[in-house]
Amino acid sequence: MIGLLLTRTMEAYRDPRSSARRILDAGPNMSDALAMAVAGFVVSTLLIRAAEMLFGVTLIEALSPADDATAEEVQARVAQAQTLAALARQFLFHFLELGFISMLGWVIGMAAGGSASLAHVFILASWWSLAGALLLALGQIAILALSPAALSFGMFVAFAALLYFLFLFAAFLAEAHNFESEAAVFVIGLGVLFALTLVTAIIFGSMSG
């Protein structure tokens, strides 16, 4: 089972559109999609926790030099992040994020002439969260392994992993909507992400002001 999962994951990295088509052709239902989404969260969490134990530092501690946090602030963040309540919030956010991304990908795709159903987009988003778990974990492990001596390079590796992670979903979405260019979907997706980030910053800025 693990070998098959790794094979499918490597296929997703090498040829994401074929991977997406294989998943859709298998005819998964919503229960399968939810199972993939849960598995994606579990795999990502376990990989990061194992890496933190291996390197003897948490991701929060590794990133602390980047935001000039005090030792007391860092320890407080670490203690809060390791509670069951924090894990439950992360789990809930994981599903809310998948739901939001699926809805956004479906709406924008349909507006651009796509043909995917919302269910198919959510199924591929769930597969994306599972297949991409290793990719995201590798980026975060780079931060743990290279901090503090080469934190900047570790963050660069993590950023590159994140970009390819986003490209995977663009390719999955392009296949679902029968778009020719996944690169165009990727660029549009980055534009939408930037716009949403800007609007959110403005809203929170006005609220705090």
C-alpha atoms as a PDB file:
ATOM      1  CA  MET A   1       0.000   0.000   0.000  1.00  0.00           C
ATOM      2  CA  ILE A   2       2.784   2.414   0.965  1.00  0.00           C
ATOM      3  CA  GLY A   3       4.742   1.458  -2.153  1.00  0.00           C
ATOM      4  CA  LEU A   4       1.721   2.133  -4.362  1.00  0.00           C
ATOM      5  CA  LEU A   5       1.164   5.484  -2.654  1.00  0.00           C
ATOM      6  CA  LEU A   6       4.776   6.497  -3.236  1.00  0.00           C
ATOM      7  CA  THR A   7       4.535   5.407  -6.865  1.00  0.00           C
ATOM      8  CA  ARG A   8       1.389   7.486  -7.390  1.00  0.00           C
ATOM      9  CA  THR A   9       2.999  10.434  -5.598  1.00  0.00           C
ATOM     10  CA  MET A  10       6.095  10.322  -7.794  1.00  0.00           C
ATOM     11  CA  GLU A  11       3.820  10.131 -10.838  1.00  0.00           C
ATOM     12  CA  ALA A  12       2.034  13.257  -9.635  1.00  0.00           C
ATOM     13  CA  TYR A  13       5.369  15.082  -9.455  1.00  0.00           C
ATOM     14  CA  ARG A  14       6.567  13.859 -12.866  1.00  0.00           C
ATOM     15  CA  ASP A  15       3.309  14.120 -14.806  1.00  0.00           C
ATOM     16  CA  PRO A  16       0.622  15.843 -12.722  1.00  0.00           C
ATOM     17  CA  ARG A  17      -2.017  15.945 -15.460  1.00  0.00           C
ATOM     18  CA  SER A  18      -1.807  12.203 -16.076  1.00  0.00           C
ATOM     19  CA  SER A  19      -1.962  11.654 -12.324  1.00  0.00           C
ATOM     20  CA  ALA A  20      -5.104  13.781 -12.085  1.00  0.00           C
ATOM     21  CA  ARG A  21      -6.721  11.917 -14.979  1.00  0.00           C
ATOM     22  CA  ARG A  22      -5.872   8.558 -13.404  1.00  0.00           C
ATOM     23  CA  ILE A  23      -7.521   9.634 -10.141  1.00  0.00           C
ATOM     24  CA  LEU A  24     -10.690  10.852 -11.870  1.00  0.00           C
ATOM     25  CA  ASP A  25     -10.889   7.767 -14.096  1.00  0.00           C
ATOM     26  CA  ALA A  26     -10.808   5.587 -10.979  1.00  0.00           C
ATOM     27  CA  GLY A  27     -14.215   7.036 -10.075  1.00  0.00           C
ATOM     28  CA  PRO A  28     -13.628   8.017  -6.436  1.00  0.00           C
ATOM     29  CA  ASN A  29     -16.575   9.238  -4.375  1.00  0.00           C
ATOM     30  CA  MET A  30     -16.683  11.936  -1.711  1.00  0.00           C
ATOM     31  CA  SER A  31     -15.793   9.435   1.025  1.00  0.00           C
ATOM     32  CA  ASP A  32     -12.608   8.621  -0.881  1.00  0.00           C
ATOM     33  CA  ALA A  33     -11.876  12.334  -1.215  1.00  0.00           C
ATOM     34  CA  LEU A  34     -12.330  12.900   2.506  1.00  0.00           C
ATOM     35  CA  ALA A  35     -10.079   9.924   3.250  1.00  0.00           C
ATOM     36  CA  MET A  36      -7.345  11.384   1.015  1.00  0.00           C
ATOM     37  CA  ALA A  37      -7.709  14.775   2.700  1.00  0.00           C
ATOM     38  CA  VAL A  38      -7.383  13.233   6.163  1.00  0.00           C
ATOM     39  CA  ALA A  39      -4.411  11.136   5.036  1.00  0.00           C
ATOM     40  CA  GLY A  40      -2.747  14.242   3.612  1.00  0.00           C
ATOM     41  CA  PHE A  41      -3.031  16.026   6.955  1.00  0.00           C
ATOM     42  CA  VAL A  42      -1.808  12.999   8.917  1.00  0.00           C
ATOM     43  CA  VAL A  43       1.177  12.326   6.632  1.00  0.00           C
ATOM     44  CA  SER A  44       2.272  15.960   6.634  1.00  0.00           C
ATOM     45  CA  THR A  45       1.922  16.279  10.412  1.00  0.00           C
ATOM     46  CA  LEU A  46       3.765  13.033  11.142  1.00  0.00           C
ATOM     47  CA  LEU A  47       6.640  13.874   8.796  1.00  0.00           C
ATOM     48  CA  ILE A  48       7.150  17.282  10.372  1.00  0.00           C
ATOM     49  CA  ARG A  49       6.902  15.938  13.943  1.00  0.00           C
ATOM     50  CA  ALA A  50       9.410  13.188  13.127  1.00  0.00           C
ATOM     51  CA  ALA A  51      11.804  15.722  11.594  1.00  0.00           C
ATOM     52  CA  GLU A  52      11.495  18.001  14.630  1.00  0.00           C
ATOM     53  CA  MET A  53      12.386  15.073  16.892  1.00  0.00           C
ATOM     54  CA  LEU A  54      15.302  14.101  14.633  1.00  0.00           C
ATOM     55  CA  PHE A  55      16.828  17.591  14.528  1.00  0.00           C
ATOM     56  CA  GLY A  56      15.901  18.473  18.095  1.00  0.00           C
ATOM     57  CA  VAL A  57      14.227  21.739  17.138  1.00  0.00           C
ATOM     58  CA  THR A  58      10.673  22.710  16.267  1.00  0.00           C
ATOM     59  CA  LEU A  59       9.745  24.585  13.115  1.00  0.00           C
ATOM     60  CA  ILE A  60       8.695  27.567  15.265  1.00  0.00           C
ATOM     61  CA  GLU A  61      12.124  27.642  16.917  1.00  0.00           C
ATOM     62  CA  ALA A  62      13.893  27.264  13.582  1.00  0.00           C
ATOM     63  CA  LEU A  63      12.021  30.241  12.135  1.00  0.00           C
ATOM     64  CA  SER A  64      12.335  32.446  15.222  1.00  0.00           C
ATOM     65  CA  PRO A  65      15.486  34.273  14.016  1.00  0.00           C
ATOM     66  CA  ALA A  66      13.488  35.536  11.029  1.00  0.00           C
ATOM     67  CA  ASP A  67      10.970  37.449  13.168  1.00  0.00           C
ATOM     68  CA  ASP A  68      13.267  38.550  16.031  1.00  0.00           C
ATOM     69  CA  ALA A  69      11.093  36.864  18.651  1.00  0.00           C
ATOM     70  CA  THR A  70      12.359  36.654  22.230  1.00  0.00           C
ATOM     71  CA  ALA A  71      13.150  33.273  23.805  1.00  0.00           C
ATOM     72  CA  GLU A  72      10.074  33.557  26.026  1.00  0.00           C
ATOM     73  CA  GLU A  73       7.823  34.313  23.066  1.00  0.00           C
ATOM     74  CA  VAL A  74       9.225  31.366  21.112  1.00  0.00           C
ATOM     75  CA  GLN A  75       8.719  28.936  23.985  1.00  0.00           C
ATOM     76  CA  ALA A  76       5.165  30.178  24.485  1.00  0.00           C
ATOM     77  CA  ARG A  77       4.410  29.610  20.797  1.00  0.00           C
ATOM     78  CA  VAL A  78       5.938  26.127  20.898  1.00  0.00           C
ATOM     79  CA  ALA A  79       3.900  25.157  23.980  1.00  0.00           C
ATOM     80  CA  GLN A  80       0.690  26.467  22.393  1.00  0.00           C
ATOM     81  CA  ALA A  81       1.353  24.704  19.064  1.00  0.00           C
ATOM     82  CA  GLN A  82       1.828  21.341  20.768  1.00  0.00           C
ATOM     83  CA  THR A  83      -1.605  21.243  22.417  1.00  0.00           C
ATOM     84  CA  LEU A  84      -4.455  19.054  21.175  1.00  0.00           C
ATOM     85  CA  ALA A  85      -6.541  22.192  20.674  1.00  0.00           C
ATOM     86  CA  ALA A  86      -3.923  23.577  18.284  1.00  0.00           C
ATOM     87  CA  LEU A  87      -3.840  20.287  16.375  1.00  0.00           C
ATOM     88  CA  ALA A  88      -7.646  20.304  16.139  1.00  0.00           C
ATOM     89  CA  ARG A  89      -7.568  23.862  14.792  1.00  0.00           C
ATOM     90  CA  GLN A  90      -4.987  22.868  12.189  1.00  0.00           C
ATOM     91  CA  PHE A  91      -7.140  19.898  11.171  1.00  0.00           C
ATOM     92  CA  LEU A  92     -10.229  22.095  10.825  1.00  0.00           C
ATOM     93  CA  PHE A  93      -8.293  24.724   8.892  1.00  0.00           C
ATOM     94  CA  HIS A  94      -6.975  22.017   6.553  1.00  0.00           C
ATOM     95  CA  PHE A  95     -10.514  21.090   5.498  1.00  0.00           C
ATOM     96  CA  LEU A  96     -11.739  24.679   5.332  1.00  0.00           C
ATOM     97  CA  GLU A  97      -8.755  25.509   3.136  1.00  0.00           C
ATOM     98  CA  LEU A  98      -9.432  22.570   0.802  1.00  0.00           C
ATOM     99  CA  GLY A  99     -13.092  23.536   0.566  1.00  0.00           C
ATOM    100  CA  PHE A 100     -12.284  27.169  -0.180  1.00  0.00           C
ATOM    101  CA  ILE A 101      -9.622  26.314  -2.759  1.00  0.00           C
ATOM    102  CA  SER A 102     -11.944  23.811  -4.435  1.00  0.00           C
ATOM    103  CA  MET A 103     -14.779  26.327  -4.644  1.00  0.00           C
ATOM    104  CA  LEU A 104     -12.452  29.041  -5.926  1.00  0.00           C
ATOM    105  CA  GLY A 105     -10.884  26.725  -8.518  1.00  0.00           C
ATOM    106  CA  TRP A 106     -14.288  25.575  -9.694  1.00  0.00           C
ATOM    107  CA  VAL A 107     -15.820  29.070  -9.937  1.00  0.00           C
ATOM    108  CA  ILE A 108     -12.860  30.641 -11.722  1.00  0.00           C
ATOM    109  CA  GLY A 109     -12.506  27.630 -14.009  1.00  0.00           C
ATOM    110  CA  MET A 110     -16.175  27.699 -14.984  1.00  0.00           C
ATOM    111  CA  ALA A 111     -15.970  31.449 -15.598  1.00  0.00           C
ATOM    112  CA  ALA A 112     -13.067  30.777 -17.984  1.00  0.00           C
ATOM    113  CA  GLY A 113     -15.025  28.143 -19.902  1.00  0.00           C
ATOM    114  CA  GLY A 114     -14.024  25.060 -17.929  1.00  0.00           C
ATOM    115  CA  SER A 115     -16.106  21.915 -17.639  1.00  0.00           C
ATOM    116  CA  ALA A 116     -15.204  20.369 -14.257  1.00  0.00           C
ATOM    117  CA  SER A 117     -17.768  19.581 -11.598  1.00  0.00           C
ATOM    118  CA  LEU A 118     -17.249  20.886  -8.079  1.00  0.00           C
ATOM    119  CA  ALA A 119     -17.011  17.284  -6.848  1.00  0.00           C
ATOM    120  CA  HIS A 120     -14.169  16.525  -9.268  1.00  0.00           C
ATOM    121  CA  VAL A 121     -12.301  19.653  -8.221  1.00  0.00           C
ATOM    122  CA  PHE A 122     -12.640  18.709  -4.543  1.00  0.00           C
ATOM    123  CA  ILE A 123     -11.492  15.141  -5.254  1.00  0.00           C
ATOM    124  CA  LEU A 124      -8.381  16.445  -7.009  1.00  0.00           C
ATOM    125  CA  ALA A 125      -7.788  18.987  -4.240  1.00  0.00           C
ATOM    126  CA  SER A 126      -7.868  16.117  -1.748  1.00  0.00           C
ATOM    127  CA  TRP A 127      -5.420  14.101  -3.848  1.00  0.00           C
ATOM    128  CA  TRP A 128      -3.260  17.235  -4.092  1.00  0.00           C
ATOM    129  CA  SER A 129      -3.161  17.525  -0.294  1.00  0.00           C
ATOM    130  CA  LEU A 130      -2.036  13.890  -0.015  1.00  0.00           C
ATOM    131  CA  ALA A 131       0.403  13.804  -2.939  1.00  0.00           C
ATOM    132  CA  GLY A 132       1.832  17.191  -2.019  1.00  0.00           C
ATOM    133  CA  ALA A 133       2.276  16.362   1.682  1.00  0.00           C
ATOM    134  CA  LEU A 134       5.746  14.948   1.034  1.00  0.00           C
ATOM    135  CA  LEU A 135       6.726  17.966  -1.042  1.00  0.00           C
ATOM    136  CA  LEU A 136       5.659  20.476   1.617  1.00  0.00           C
ATOM    137  CA  ALA A 137       7.270  18.418   4.368  1.00  0.00           C
ATOM    138  CA  LEU A 138      10.572  18.328   2.476  1.00  0.00           C
ATOM    139  CA  GLY A 139      10.529  22.115   2.259  1.00  0.00           C
ATOM    140  CA  GLN A 140       9.918  22.463   5.988  1.00  0.00           C
ATOM    141  CA  ILE A 141      12.526  19.797   6.780  1.00  0.00           C
ATOM    142  CA  ALA A 142      15.044  21.878   4.811  1.00  0.00           C
ATOM    143  CA  ILE A 143      14.383  24.737   7.235  1.00  0.00           C
ATOM    144  CA  LEU A 144      14.898  22.434  10.223  1.00  0.00           C
ATOM    145  CA  ALA A 145      18.079  20.923   8.780  1.00  0.00           C
ATOM    146  CA  LEU A 146      19.685  24.197   7.724  1.00  0.00           C
ATOM    147  CA  SER A 147      18.687  26.406  10.660  1.00  0.00           C
ATOM    148  CA  PRO A 148      20.255  28.512  12.031  1.00  0.00           C
ATOM    149  CA  ALA A 149      23.458  28.490   9.960  1.00  0.00           C
ATOM    150  CA  ALA A 150      21.743  28.592   6.556  1.00  0.00           C
ATOM    151  CA  LEU A 151      18.173  29.553   7.429  1.00  0.00           C
ATOM    152  CA  SER A 152      17.829  31.788   4.359  1.00  0.00           C
ATOM    153  CA  PHE A 153      18.708  28.918   2.023  1.00  0.00           C
ATOM    154  CA  GLY A 154      16.341  26.611   3.897  1.00  0.00           C
ATOM    155  CA  MET A 155      13.540  29.142   3.452  1.00  0.00           C
ATOM    156  CA  PHE A 156      14.410  29.385  -0.257  1.00  0.00           C
ATOM    157  CA  VAL A 157      14.088  25.601  -0.599  1.00  0.00           C
ATOM    158  CA  ALA A 158      10.756  25.706   1.255  1.00  0.00           C
ATOM    159  CA  PHE A 159       9.526  28.513  -1.004  1.00  0.00           C
ATOM    160  CA  ALA A 160      10.530  26.564  -4.128  1.00  0.00           C
ATOM    161  CA  ALA A 161       8.700  23.500  -2.779  1.00  0.00           C
ATOM    162  CA  LEU A 162       5.624  25.646  -2.123  1.00  0.00           C
ATOM    163  CA  LEU A 163       5.663  27.028  -5.663  1.00  0.00           C
ATOM    164  CA  TYR A 164       5.814  23.547  -7.164  1.00  0.00           C
ATOM    165  CA  PHE A 165       3.110  22.433  -4.737  1.00  0.00           C
ATOM    166  CA  LEU A 166       0.877  25.210  -6.110  1.00  0.00           C
ATOM    167  CA  PHE A 167       1.829  24.273  -9.678  1.00  0.00           C
ATOM    168  CA  LEU A 168       0.638  20.709  -9.002  1.00  0.00           C
ATOM    169  CA  PHE A 169      -2.824  21.983  -8.170  1.00  0.00           C
ATOM    170  CA  ALA A 170      -2.800  24.230 -11.238  1.00  0.00           C
ATOM    171  CA  ALA A 171      -2.053  21.172 -13.369  1.00  0.00           C
ATOM    172  CA  PHE A 172      -4.763  19.137 -11.622  1.00  0.00           C
ATOM    173  CA  LEU A 173      -7.239  21.968 -12.146  1.00  0.00           C
ATOM    174  CA  ALA A 174      -6.274  22.353 -15.805  1.00  0.00           C
ATOM    175  CA  GLU A 175      -6.910  18.642 -16.359  1.00  0.00           C
ATOM    176  CA  ALA A 176     -10.254  18.760 -14.552  1.00  0.00           C
ATOM    177  CA  HIS A 177     -11.449  21.756 -16.601  1.00  0.00           C
ATOM    178  CA  ASN A 178      -9.857  20.507 -19.863  1.00  0.00           C
ATOM    179  CA  PHE A 179      -7.683  23.602 -20.189  1.00  0.00           C
ATOM    180  CA  GLU A 180      -4.700  23.320 -22.502  1.00  0.00           C
ATOM    181  CA  SER A 181      -2.121  25.202 -20.438  1.00  0.00           C
ATOM    182  CA  GLU A 182      -1.457  24.435 -16.791  1.00  0.00           C
ATOM    183  CA  ALA A 183       1.125  27.244 -16.832  1.00  0.00           C
ATOM    184  CA  ALA A 184      -1.625  29.782 -17.599  1.00  0.00           C
ATOM    185  CA  VAL A 185      -3.742  28.377 -14.765  1.00  0.00           C
ATOM    186  CA  PHE A 186      -0.720  28.630 -12.455  1.00  0.00           C
ATOM    187  CA  VAL A 187      -0.072  32.287 -13.327  1.00  0.00           C
ATOM    188  CA  ILE A 188      -3.757  33.182 -12.926  1.00  0.00           C
ATOM    189  CA  GLY A 189      -3.821  31.309  -9.628  1.00  0.00           C
ATOM    190  CA  LEU A 190      -0.827  33.268  -8.322  1.00  0.00           C
ATOM    191  CA  GLY A 191      -2.560  36.486  -9.358  1.00  0.00           C
ATOM    192  CA  VAL A 192      -5.730  35.516  -7.512  1.00  0.00           C
ATOM    193  CA  LEU A 193      -3.688  34.491  -4.457  1.00  0.00           C
ATOM    194  CA  PHE A 194      -1.863  37.827  -4.474  1.00  0.00           C
ATOM    195  CA  ALA A 195      -5.140  39.731  -4.808  1.00  0.00           C
ATOM    196  CA  LEU A 196      -6.734  37.802  -1.933  1.00  0.00           C
ATOM    197  CA  THR A 197      -3.665  38.406   0.243  1.00  0.00           C
ATOM    198  CA  LEU A 198      -3.755  42.124  -0.548  1.00  0.00           C
ATOM    199  CA  VAL A 199      -7.474  42.436   0.190  1.00  0.00           C
ATOM    200  CA  THR A 200      -7.085  40.499   3.448  1.00  0.00           C
ATOM    201  CA  ALA A 201      -4.204  42.721   4.521  1.00  0.00           C
ATOM    202  CA  ILE A 202      -6.232  45.845   3.766  1.00  0.00           C
ATOM    203  CA  ILE A 203      -9.256  44.541   5.696  1.00  0.00           C
ATOM    204  CA  PHE A 204      -7.240  43.540   8.748  1.00  0.00           C
ATOM    205  CA  GLY A 205      -5.248  46.757   8.539  1.00  0.00           C
ATOM    206  CA  SER A 206      -8.421  48.854   8.586  1.00  0.00           C
ATOM    207  CA  MET A 207      -9.838  46.805  11.474  1.00  0.00           C
ATOM    208  CA  SER A 208      -6.693  47.194  13.560  1.00  0.00           C
ATOM    209  CA  GLY A 209      -6.535  50.884  12.717  1.00  0.00           C
END
